[in-house]
Amino acid sequence: MGNGSNDVLELAARTFISSGDEVIYSKHAFAVYEIVTKAVGGIGVKGKATGGFWS
């Protein structure tokens, strides 16, 4: 349970990401992905979207 999606995403990140882990997310993802990844010591890797609307 969390107070909105940001809290839930932060809880998941703090549960599963360790310092130095690479975290892959879309360049169109919520900004909180990058922020929380850095906060827990992870390394953010932005993937580019392929195909569909965003390419």
N, C-alpha and C. Protein backbone atom coordinates (compact mmCIF):
# COMPACT_ATOMS: atom_id res chain seq x y z
N MET A 1 0.84 -1.17 0.00
CA MET A 1 0.00 0.00 0.00
C MET A 1 0.89 1.24 0.00
N GLY A 2 0.45 2.24 -0.68
CA GLY A 2 1.20 3.48 -0.74
C GLY A 2 0.28 4.65 -1.01
N ASN A 3 0.83 5.82 -0.87
CA ASN A 3 0.10 7.05 -1.09
C ASN A 3 0.32 7.49 -2.54
N GLY A 4 -0.26 6.77 -3.47
CA GLY A 4 -0.10 7.08 -4.89
C GLY A 4 0.98 6.22 -5.53
N SER A 5 1.08 6.33 -6.84
CA SER A 5 2.00 5.47 -7.59
C SER A 5 3.46 5.75 -7.27
N ASN A 6 3.82 7.00 -6.99
CA ASN A 6 5.22 7.30 -6.67
C ASN A 6 5.68 6.54 -5.43
N ASP A 7 4.86 6.49 -4.41
CA ASP A 7 5.23 5.76 -3.19
C ASP A 7 5.38 4.27 -3.46
N VAL A 8 4.49 3.71 -4.26
CA VAL A 8 4.56 2.29 -4.57
C VAL A 8 5.81 1.98 -5.39
N LEU A 9 6.12 2.82 -6.38
CA LEU A 9 7.33 2.62 -7.18
C LEU A 9 8.59 2.76 -6.34
N GLU A 10 8.60 3.72 -5.41
CA GLU A 10 9.77 3.88 -4.54
C GLU A 10 9.94 2.68 -3.63
N LEU A 11 8.87 2.17 -3.08
CA LEU A 11 8.94 0.99 -2.22
C LEU A 11 9.47 -0.22 -3.00
N ALA A 12 8.99 -0.40 -4.22
CA ALA A 12 9.48 -1.50 -5.06
C ALA A 12 10.97 -1.34 -5.35
N ALA A 13 11.39 -0.13 -5.66
CA ALA A 13 12.81 0.11 -5.95
C ALA A 13 13.67 -0.16 -4.72
N ARG A 14 13.25 0.31 -3.57
CA ARG A 14 14.03 0.11 -2.35
C ARG A 14 14.06 -1.37 -1.94
N THR A 15 13.07 -2.14 -2.40
CA THR A 15 13.01 -3.56 -2.09
C THR A 15 13.91 -4.38 -3.01
N PHE A 16 13.94 -4.03 -4.30
CA PHE A 16 14.59 -4.90 -5.29
C PHE A 16 15.89 -4.38 -5.88
N ILE A 17 16.21 -3.10 -5.72
CA ILE A 17 17.42 -2.53 -6.33
C ILE A 17 18.49 -2.33 -5.27
N SER A 18 19.68 -2.83 -5.58
CA SER A 18 20.83 -2.63 -4.70
C SER A 18 21.79 -1.65 -5.37
N SER A 19 22.68 -1.09 -4.60
CA SER A 19 23.67 -0.16 -5.12
C SER A 19 24.46 -0.82 -6.25
N GLY A 20 24.56 -0.15 -7.38
CA GLY A 20 25.29 -0.66 -8.53
C GLY A 20 24.46 -1.46 -9.51
N ASP A 21 23.22 -1.80 -9.16
CA ASP A 21 22.34 -2.53 -10.08
C ASP A 21 21.94 -1.63 -11.24
N GLU A 22 21.84 -2.22 -12.43
CA GLU A 22 21.34 -1.48 -13.58
C GLU A 22 19.82 -1.63 -13.64
N VAL A 23 19.16 -0.52 -13.88
CA VAL A 23 17.71 -0.49 -13.99
C VAL A 23 17.35 0.04 -15.37
N ILE A 24 16.63 -0.75 -16.13
CA ILE A 24 16.27 -0.36 -17.49
C ILE A 24 14.82 0.13 -17.50
N TYR A 25 14.63 1.31 -18.09
CA TYR A 25 13.28 1.87 -18.21
C TYR A 25 13.23 2.69 -19.49
N SER A 26 12.04 2.90 -19.99
CA SER A 26 11.84 3.66 -21.22
C SER A 26 12.15 5.14 -21.00
N LYS A 27 12.62 5.78 -22.05
CA LYS A 27 12.86 7.22 -21.94
C LYS A 27 11.55 7.99 -21.75
N HIS A 28 10.42 7.30 -21.96
CA HIS A 28 9.10 7.92 -21.78
C HIS A 28 8.45 7.50 -20.46
N ALA A 29 9.21 6.88 -19.57
CA ALA A 29 8.67 6.40 -18.30
C ALA A 29 8.46 7.56 -17.33
N PHE A 30 7.77 7.28 -16.23
CA PHE A 30 7.59 8.28 -15.18
C PHE A 30 8.95 8.79 -14.71
N ALA A 31 9.05 10.07 -14.42
CA ALA A 31 10.30 10.66 -13.94
C ALA A 31 10.78 10.01 -12.65
N VAL A 32 9.85 9.49 -11.86
CA VAL A 32 10.22 8.88 -10.57
C VAL A 32 11.13 7.66 -10.76
N TYR A 33 11.05 6.97 -11.90
CA TYR A 33 11.92 5.82 -12.13
C TYR A 33 13.39 6.23 -12.03
N GLU A 34 13.74 7.28 -12.73
CA GLU A 34 15.13 7.76 -12.72
C GLU A 34 15.52 8.30 -11.34
N ILE A 35 14.64 9.05 -10.73
CA ILE A 35 14.93 9.66 -9.43
C ILE A 35 15.16 8.60 -8.36
N VAL A 36 14.28 7.62 -8.27
CA VAL A 36 14.39 6.59 -7.25
C VAL A 36 15.58 5.67 -7.52
N THR A 37 15.84 5.38 -8.79
CA THR A 37 17.00 4.56 -9.14
C THR A 37 18.28 5.20 -8.62
N LYS A 38 18.43 6.48 -8.83
CA LYS A 38 19.62 7.20 -8.33
C LYS A 38 19.63 7.24 -6.81
N ALA A 39 18.46 7.42 -6.20
CA ALA A 39 18.38 7.53 -4.75
C ALA A 39 18.85 6.26 -4.03
N VAL A 40 18.62 5.10 -4.65
CA VAL A 40 19.02 3.84 -4.02
C VAL A 40 20.38 3.36 -4.51
N GLY A 41 21.05 4.17 -5.34
CA GLY A 41 22.40 3.82 -5.80
C GLY A 41 22.44 2.98 -7.05
N GLY A 42 21.30 2.86 -7.73
CA GLY A 42 21.26 2.10 -8.98
C GLY A 42 21.76 2.92 -10.15
N ILE A 43 21.97 2.24 -11.26
CA ILE A 43 22.43 2.88 -12.48
C ILE A 43 21.29 2.83 -13.49
N GLY A 44 20.77 3.99 -13.85
CA GLY A 44 19.65 4.05 -14.77
C GLY A 44 20.09 3.89 -16.21
N VAL A 45 19.37 3.06 -16.96
CA VAL A 45 19.62 2.85 -18.38
C VAL A 45 18.32 3.15 -19.12
N LYS A 46 18.30 4.25 -19.87
CA LYS A 46 17.10 4.63 -20.61
C LYS A 46 17.09 3.91 -21.95
N GLY A 47 16.05 3.12 -22.17
CA GLY A 47 15.90 2.44 -23.45
C GLY A 47 15.06 3.28 -24.38
N LYS A 48 15.42 3.24 -25.66
CA LYS A 48 14.60 4.00 -26.59
C LYS A 48 13.42 3.15 -27.03
N ALA A 49 12.32 3.80 -27.29
CA ALA A 49 11.12 3.09 -27.73
C ALA A 49 11.29 2.68 -29.18
N THR A 50 10.81 1.50 -29.50
CA THR A 50 10.88 1.04 -30.89
C THR A 50 9.49 0.65 -31.35
N GLY A 51 9.17 1.01 -32.55
CA GLY A 51 7.87 0.68 -33.12
C GLY A 51 6.74 1.46 -32.48
N GLY A 52 5.60 1.41 -33.09
CA GLY A 52 4.42 2.04 -32.51
C GLY A 52 4.47 3.56 -32.53
N PHE A 53 3.72 4.13 -31.64
CA PHE A 53 3.51 5.58 -31.58
C PHE A 53 4.79 6.37 -31.28
N TRP A 54 5.65 5.86 -30.40
CA TRP A 54 6.78 6.65 -29.89
C TRP A 54 8.03 6.60 -30.76
N SER A 55 8.08 5.78 -31.78
CA SER A 55 9.33 5.66 -32.56
C SER A 55 9.51 6.79 -33.53
